[in-house]
């Protein structure tokens, strides 16, 4: 690898690392050690609400159900080097059948540290929480 390419690689690696370190601090979580789970303190953070809405929309697309995001109930955040993981408990209205009911669901969402960030719905299931 040429010297210029090596410098560019180091610069880009440092930028990605710094982006991952600062991202969780601005998304409703306290500063913490990488790899550990921390409660999401600000459930009204628009970024975290957007993750909940993303999870419901992806679930609807995958299952052909009709859930409508209502609000966040609780959540945890885990920062890793290349991604940030979220465990979100959310309330959604189920409009699939004749009855309308509000149920809680647990959504596991990974956000990869890329430009732009790439979101993945890892899991979505009903919960009693």
N, C-alpha and C. Protein backbone atom coordinates (compact mmCIF):
# COMPACT_ATOMS: atom_id res chain seq x y z
N UNK A 1 0.85 -1.17 0.00
CA UNK A 1 0.00 0.00 0.00
C UNK A 1 0.90 1.23 0.00
N UNK A 2 0.64 2.17 -0.87
CA UNK A 2 1.43 3.39 -0.96
C UNK A 2 1.23 4.23 0.28
N UNK A 3 2.20 5.09 0.57
CA UNK A 3 2.17 5.93 1.78
C UNK A 3 0.90 6.78 1.83
N UNK A 4 0.49 7.37 0.72
CA UNK A 4 -0.71 8.21 0.68
C UNK A 4 -1.97 7.41 0.98
N UNK A 5 -2.05 6.19 0.44
CA UNK A 5 -3.21 5.33 0.72
C UNK A 5 -3.23 4.92 2.18
N UNK A 6 -2.07 4.67 2.76
CA UNK A 6 -1.98 4.29 4.16
C UNK A 6 -2.46 5.43 5.05
N UNK A 7 -2.05 6.65 4.76
CA UNK A 7 -2.47 7.82 5.53
C UNK A 7 -3.99 8.02 5.42
N UNK A 8 -4.51 7.87 4.21
CA UNK A 8 -5.95 8.00 4.01
C UNK A 8 -6.70 6.94 4.79
N UNK A 9 -6.20 5.70 4.78
CA UNK A 9 -6.82 4.61 5.53
C UNK A 9 -6.85 4.94 7.03
N UNK A 10 -5.74 5.43 7.58
CA UNK A 10 -5.68 5.78 9.00
C UNK A 10 -6.64 6.92 9.32
N UNK A 11 -6.69 7.91 8.46
CA UNK A 11 -7.57 9.05 8.68
C UNK A 11 -9.04 8.61 8.66
N UNK A 12 -9.41 7.79 7.70
CA UNK A 12 -10.79 7.31 7.62
C UNK A 12 -11.15 6.42 8.81
N UNK A 13 -10.22 5.58 9.24
CA UNK A 13 -10.45 4.71 10.40
C UNK A 13 -10.68 5.55 11.65
N UNK A 14 -9.87 6.58 11.84
CA UNK A 14 -10.03 7.45 13.00
C UNK A 14 -11.36 8.19 12.95
N UNK A 15 -11.77 8.64 11.77
CA UNK A 15 -13.04 9.34 11.63
C UNK A 15 -14.21 8.43 11.97
N UNK A 16 -14.18 7.19 11.50
CA UNK A 16 -15.25 6.24 11.81
C UNK A 16 -15.30 5.94 13.30
N UNK A 17 -14.15 5.78 13.91
CA UNK A 17 -14.11 5.50 15.34
C UNK A 17 -14.67 6.67 16.12
N UNK A 18 -14.28 7.89 15.80
CA UNK A 18 -14.78 9.06 16.49
C UNK A 18 -16.27 9.25 16.26
N UNK A 19 -16.76 8.95 15.08
CA UNK A 19 -18.19 9.04 14.80
C UNK A 19 -18.96 8.07 15.67
N UNK A 20 -18.46 6.85 15.81
CA UNK A 20 -19.13 5.86 16.66
C UNK A 20 -19.10 6.22 18.11
N UNK A 21 -18.02 6.83 18.58
CA UNK A 21 -17.89 7.20 19.99
C UNK A 21 -18.85 8.32 20.33
N UNK A 22 -18.97 9.31 19.47
CA UNK A 22 -19.80 10.47 19.78
C UNK A 22 -21.28 10.22 19.51
N UNK A 23 -21.62 9.26 18.65
CA UNK A 23 -23.01 9.07 18.25
C UNK A 23 -23.91 8.73 19.42
N UNK A 24 -23.52 7.81 20.27
CA UNK A 24 -24.36 7.41 21.38
C UNK A 24 -24.57 8.52 22.39
N UNK A 25 -23.62 9.40 22.54
CA UNK A 25 -23.73 10.49 23.51
C UNK A 25 -24.75 11.52 23.08
N UNK A 26 -25.05 11.60 21.81
CA UNK A 26 -26.03 12.57 21.35
C UNK A 26 -27.38 11.93 21.10
N UNK A 27 -27.53 10.65 21.40
CA UNK A 27 -28.77 9.94 21.09
C UNK A 27 -29.47 9.46 22.34
N UNK A 28 -29.46 10.25 23.40
CA UNK A 28 -30.23 9.93 24.57
C UNK A 28 -29.57 8.97 25.53
N UNK A 29 -28.30 8.68 25.40
CA UNK A 29 -27.63 7.75 26.29
C UNK A 29 -26.51 8.46 27.04
N UNK A 30 -26.19 7.93 28.21
CA UNK A 30 -25.06 8.46 28.96
C UNK A 30 -23.77 7.92 28.37
N UNK A 31 -22.64 8.65 28.56
CA UNK A 31 -21.35 8.09 28.14
C UNK A 31 -21.08 6.79 28.89
N UNK A 32 -20.53 5.81 28.21
CA UNK A 32 -20.28 4.52 28.84
C UNK A 32 -19.16 3.79 28.12
N UNK A 33 -18.80 2.65 28.67
CA UNK A 33 -17.75 1.82 28.09
C UNK A 33 -18.31 1.09 26.87
N UNK A 34 -17.53 1.04 25.80
CA UNK A 34 -17.96 0.34 24.58
C UNK A 34 -18.26 -1.13 24.89
N UNK A 35 -19.34 -1.62 24.31
CA UNK A 35 -19.69 -3.02 24.45
C UNK A 35 -20.72 -3.30 25.52
N UNK A 36 -20.87 -2.41 26.50
CA UNK A 36 -21.85 -2.61 27.57
C UNK A 36 -23.19 -1.99 27.19
N UNK A 37 -24.25 -2.50 27.81
CA UNK A 37 -25.59 -1.97 27.56
C UNK A 37 -25.89 -0.87 28.57
N UNK A 38 -26.47 0.24 28.10
CA UNK A 38 -26.82 1.39 28.93
C UNK A 38 -28.26 1.78 28.62
N UNK A 39 -29.03 2.15 29.64
CA UNK A 39 -30.41 2.60 29.37
C UNK A 39 -30.43 3.85 28.51
N UNK A 40 -31.41 3.93 27.64
CA UNK A 40 -31.65 5.15 26.88
C UNK A 40 -32.45 6.07 27.79
N UNK A 41 -31.85 7.19 28.16
CA UNK A 41 -32.47 8.08 29.13
C UNK A 41 -33.50 9.01 28.50
N UNK A 42 -33.29 9.41 27.27
CA UNK A 42 -34.18 10.36 26.62
C UNK A 42 -35.01 9.66 25.55
N UNK A 43 -36.16 9.14 25.96
CA UNK A 43 -37.03 8.42 25.02
C UNK A 43 -37.78 9.37 24.08
N UNK A 44 -37.66 10.67 24.29
CA UNK A 44 -38.28 11.63 23.38
C UNK A 44 -37.29 12.15 22.34
N UNK A 45 -36.07 11.59 22.33
CA UNK A 45 -35.06 11.96 21.34
C UNK A 45 -35.59 11.58 19.95
N UNK A 46 -35.67 12.54 19.03
CA UNK A 46 -36.20 12.24 17.69
C UNK A 46 -35.47 11.10 16.97
N UNK A 47 -34.16 10.97 17.20
CA UNK A 47 -33.41 9.89 16.55
C UNK A 47 -33.90 8.52 17.04
N UNK A 48 -34.08 8.39 18.34
CA UNK A 48 -34.53 7.11 18.90
C UNK A 48 -35.97 6.83 18.50
N UNK A 49 -36.81 7.85 18.49
CA UNK A 49 -38.20 7.68 18.02
C UNK A 49 -38.19 7.21 16.56
N UNK A 50 -37.29 7.78 15.76
CA UNK A 50 -37.17 7.36 14.37
C UNK A 50 -36.79 5.90 14.24
N UNK A 51 -35.95 5.40 15.16
CA UNK A 51 -35.60 3.98 15.14
C UNK A 51 -36.83 3.12 15.44
N UNK A 52 -37.67 3.56 16.38
CA UNK A 52 -38.91 2.84 16.67
C UNK A 52 -39.85 2.82 15.48
N UNK A 53 -39.99 3.97 14.81
CA UNK A 53 -40.83 4.04 13.62
C UNK A 53 -40.26 3.17 12.50
N UNK A 54 -38.95 3.16 12.36
CA UNK A 54 -38.29 2.31 11.36
C UNK A 54 -38.60 0.83 11.65
N UNK A 55 -38.49 0.44 12.91
CA UNK A 55 -38.73 -0.96 13.28
C UNK A 55 -40.15 -1.39 12.94
N UNK A 56 -41.12 -0.55 13.25
CA UNK A 56 -42.53 -0.88 12.96
C UNK A 56 -42.74 -0.95 11.44
N UNK A 57 -42.19 -0.02 10.70
CA UNK A 57 -42.36 -0.03 9.24
C UNK A 57 -41.73 -1.27 8.62
N UNK A 58 -40.54 -1.65 9.08
CA UNK A 58 -39.88 -2.85 8.55
C UNK A 58 -40.69 -4.10 8.89
N UNK A 59 -41.20 -4.17 10.12
CA UNK A 59 -42.01 -5.32 10.53
C UNK A 59 -43.26 -5.41 9.65
N UNK A 60 -43.92 -4.27 9.44
CA UNK A 60 -45.11 -4.26 8.58
C UNK A 60 -44.78 -4.76 7.17
N UNK A 61 -43.66 -4.31 6.62
CA UNK A 61 -43.26 -4.73 5.27
C UNK A 61 -42.96 -6.22 5.20
N UNK A 62 -42.35 -6.76 6.25
CA UNK A 62 -41.96 -8.17 6.26
C UNK A 62 -43.14 -9.10 6.49
N UNK A 63 -44.13 -8.66 7.28
CA UNK A 63 -45.22 -9.56 7.69
C UNK A 63 -46.56 -9.23 7.04
N UNK A 64 -46.67 -8.09 6.41
CA UNK A 64 -47.93 -7.61 5.83
C UNK A 64 -48.99 -7.35 6.90
N UNK A 65 -48.54 -7.12 8.14
CA UNK A 65 -49.46 -6.70 9.20
C UNK A 65 -49.58 -5.19 9.15
N UNK A 66 -50.49 -4.65 9.95
CA UNK A 66 -50.67 -3.21 9.97
C UNK A 66 -50.51 -2.72 11.41
N UNK A 67 -49.27 -2.47 11.79
CA UNK A 67 -48.99 -1.86 13.08
C UNK A 67 -48.70 -0.39 12.86
N UNK A 68 -49.11 0.43 13.82
CA UNK A 68 -48.85 1.87 13.75
C UNK A 68 -48.10 2.25 15.01
N UNK A 69 -46.92 2.83 14.85
CA UNK A 69 -46.09 3.24 15.98
C UNK A 69 -46.87 4.22 16.86
N UNK A 70 -46.78 4.00 18.19
CA UNK A 70 -47.46 4.89 19.13
C UNK A 70 -46.45 5.66 19.97
N UNK A 71 -45.59 4.94 20.72
CA UNK A 71 -44.59 5.61 21.55
C UNK A 71 -43.53 4.61 22.00
N UNK A 72 -42.42 5.15 22.53
CA UNK A 72 -41.37 4.32 23.12
C UNK A 72 -41.69 4.09 24.59
N UNK A 73 -41.41 2.87 25.07
CA UNK A 73 -41.65 2.52 26.47
C UNK A 73 -40.33 2.52 27.24
N UNK A 74 -39.31 1.90 26.67
CA UNK A 74 -37.99 1.84 27.29
C UNK A 74 -36.98 1.44 26.22
N UNK A 75 -35.71 1.46 26.60
CA UNK A 75 -34.70 1.05 25.63
C UNK A 75 -33.32 0.98 26.23
N UNK A 76 -32.46 0.24 25.54
CA UNK A 76 -31.05 0.08 25.92
C UNK A 76 -30.22 0.33 24.67
N UNK A 77 -28.99 0.79 24.88
CA UNK A 77 -28.08 1.06 23.78
C UNK A 77 -26.74 0.40 24.06
N UNK A 78 -26.12 -0.15 23.01
CA UNK A 78 -24.81 -0.79 23.10
C UNK A 78 -23.95 -0.26 21.96
N UNK A 79 -22.85 0.39 22.31
CA UNK A 79 -21.94 0.92 21.28
C UNK A 79 -20.81 -0.06 21.04
N UNK A 80 -20.61 -0.38 19.79
CA UNK A 80 -19.49 -1.21 19.37
C UNK A 80 -18.64 -0.41 18.39
N UNK A 81 -17.54 -0.96 17.93
CA UNK A 81 -16.66 -0.23 17.03
C UNK A 81 -17.34 0.09 15.70
N UNK A 82 -18.01 -0.86 15.09
CA UNK A 82 -18.59 -0.64 13.76
C UNK A 82 -20.09 -0.47 13.74
N UNK A 83 -20.73 -0.50 14.92
CA UNK A 83 -22.19 -0.42 14.95
C UNK A 83 -22.66 0.02 16.33
N UNK A 84 -23.90 0.47 16.37
CA UNK A 84 -24.57 0.76 17.63
C UNK A 84 -25.84 -0.08 17.63
N UNK A 85 -26.06 -0.84 18.70
CA UNK A 85 -27.22 -1.70 18.81
C UNK A 85 -28.23 -1.09 19.78
N UNK A 86 -29.50 -1.24 19.44
CA UNK A 86 -30.58 -0.72 20.27
C UNK A 86 -31.56 -1.85 20.58
N UNK A 87 -31.94 -1.96 21.84
CA UNK A 87 -33.04 -2.82 22.25
C UNK A 87 -34.15 -1.87 22.68
N UNK A 88 -35.20 -1.80 21.90
CA UNK A 88 -36.26 -0.82 22.14
C UNK A 88 -37.55 -1.55 22.45
N UNK A 89 -38.23 -1.14 23.52
CA UNK A 89 -39.59 -1.59 23.78
C UNK A 89 -40.49 -0.44 23.38
N UNK A 90 -41.43 -0.75 22.49
CA UNK A 90 -42.31 0.30 21.96
C UNK A 90 -43.75 -0.16 22.01
N UNK A 91 -44.65 0.80 22.00
CA UNK A 91 -46.08 0.51 21.92
C UNK A 91 -46.53 0.81 20.49
N UNK A 92 -47.30 -0.11 19.94
CA UNK A 92 -47.83 0.07 18.59
C UNK A 92 -49.27 -0.40 18.56
N UNK A 93 -50.07 0.28 17.77
CA UNK A 93 -51.47 -0.10 17.61
C UNK A 93 -51.57 -1.13 16.50
N UNK A 94 -52.20 -2.26 16.81
CA UNK A 94 -52.40 -3.31 15.83
C UNK A 94 -53.71 -3.06 15.10
N UNK A 95 -53.62 -2.77 13.82
CA UNK A 95 -54.80 -2.49 13.00
C UNK A 95 -55.03 -3.57 11.95
N UNK A 96 -54.52 -4.78 12.21
CA UNK A 96 -54.61 -5.85 11.23
C UNK A 96 -56.04 -6.34 11.05
N UNK A 97 -56.75 -6.59 12.13
CA UNK A 97 -58.12 -7.11 12.02
C UNK A 97 -59.15 -6.04 12.32
N UNK A 98 -60.30 -6.47 12.78
CA UNK A 98 -61.38 -5.52 13.11
C UNK A 98 -61.08 -4.76 14.39
N UNK A 99 -60.40 -5.43 15.31
CA UNK A 99 -60.12 -4.81 16.60
C UNK A 99 -58.87 -3.93 16.53
N UNK A 100 -58.91 -2.86 17.28
CA UNK A 100 -57.75 -1.98 17.42
C UNK A 100 -57.25 -2.13 18.85
N UNK A 101 -55.99 -2.51 18.99
CA UNK A 101 -55.46 -2.65 20.34
C UNK A 101 -54.01 -2.18 20.36
N UNK A 102 -53.60 -1.67 21.53
CA UNK A 102 -52.24 -1.19 21.72
C UNK A 102 -51.45 -2.29 22.42
N UNK A 103 -50.38 -2.75 21.77
CA UNK A 103 -49.54 -3.81 22.33
C UNK A 103 -48.10 -3.32 22.39
N UNK A 104 -47.31 -3.94 23.29
CA UNK A 104 -45.89 -3.64 23.38
C UNK A 104 -45.09 -4.66 22.59
N UNK A 105 -44.02 -4.17 21.96
CA UNK A 105 -43.13 -5.00 21.15
C UNK A 105 -41.70 -4.66 21.50
N UNK A 106 -40.83 -5.66 21.40
CA UNK A 106 -39.40 -5.42 21.56
C UNK A 106 -38.76 -5.48 20.18
N UNK A 107 -38.06 -4.41 19.83
CA UNK A 107 -37.37 -4.33 18.55
C UNK A 107 -35.88 -4.23 18.82
N UNK A 108 -35.11 -5.06 18.13
CA UNK A 108 -33.65 -4.99 18.18
C UNK A 108 -33.19 -4.40 16.85
N UNK A 109 -32.56 -3.24 16.91
CA UNK A 109 -32.13 -2.52 15.71
C UNK A 109 -30.63 -2.28 15.80
N UNK A 110 -29.93 -2.58 14.72
CA UNK A 110 -28.49 -2.28 14.61
C UNK A 110 -28.32 -1.13 13.63
N UNK A 111 -27.46 -0.19 14.00
CA UNK A 111 -27.13 0.92 13.12
C UNK A 111 -25.65 0.82 12.81
N UNK A 112 -25.32 0.50 11.56
CA UNK A 112 -23.93 0.37 11.15
C UNK A 112 -23.32 1.74 10.95
N UNK A 113 -22.07 1.89 11.38
CA UNK A 113 -21.37 3.16 11.25
C UNK A 113 -20.85 3.27 9.82
N UNK A 114 -21.71 3.77 8.96
CA UNK A 114 -21.37 4.01 7.55
C UNK A 114 -21.88 5.40 7.21
N UNK A 115 -21.55 5.87 6.04
CA UNK A 115 -22.07 7.16 5.59
C UNK A 115 -22.96 6.92 4.39
N UNK A 116 -24.27 7.09 4.44
CA UNK A 116 -25.03 7.38 5.64
C UNK A 116 -25.17 6.13 6.50
N UNK A 117 -25.58 6.29 7.79
CA UNK A 117 -25.76 5.13 8.65
C UNK A 117 -26.78 4.15 8.06
N UNK A 118 -26.53 2.87 8.24
CA UNK A 118 -27.40 1.82 7.69
C UNK A 118 -28.11 1.12 8.84
N UNK A 119 -29.44 1.11 8.82
CA UNK A 119 -30.23 0.51 9.89
C UNK A 119 -30.70 -0.88 9.49
N UNK A 120 -30.66 -1.81 10.47
CA UNK A 120 -31.09 -3.19 10.24
C UNK A 120 -32.02 -3.59 11.39
N UNK A 121 -33.19 -4.11 11.04
CA UNK A 121 -34.09 -4.67 12.06
C UNK A 121 -33.68 -6.11 12.29
N UNK A 122 -33.09 -6.39 13.46
CA UNK A 122 -32.60 -7.73 13.77
C UNK A 122 -33.71 -8.62 14.33
N UNK A 123 -34.63 -8.03 15.08
CA UNK A 123 -35.68 -8.81 15.73
C UNK A 123 -36.85 -7.89 16.07
N UNK A 124 -38.06 -8.45 16.03
CA UNK A 124 -39.26 -7.70 16.39
C UNK A 124 -40.26 -8.71 16.90
N UNK A 125 -40.64 -8.60 18.17
CA UNK A 125 -41.58 -9.57 18.73
C UNK A 125 -42.39 -8.96 19.87
N UNK A 126 -43.58 -9.49 20.11
CA UNK A 126 -44.41 -9.00 21.21
C UNK A 126 -43.70 -9.23 22.56
N UNK A 127 -43.99 -8.34 23.50
CA UNK A 127 -43.42 -8.47 24.84
C UNK A 127 -44.46 -8.04 25.86
N UNK A 128 -44.32 -8.52 27.09
CA UNK A 128 -45.23 -8.16 28.16
C UNK A 128 -44.78 -6.94 28.95
N UNK A 129 -43.61 -6.40 28.60
CA UNK A 129 -43.06 -5.27 29.36
C UNK A 129 -43.89 -4.04 29.14
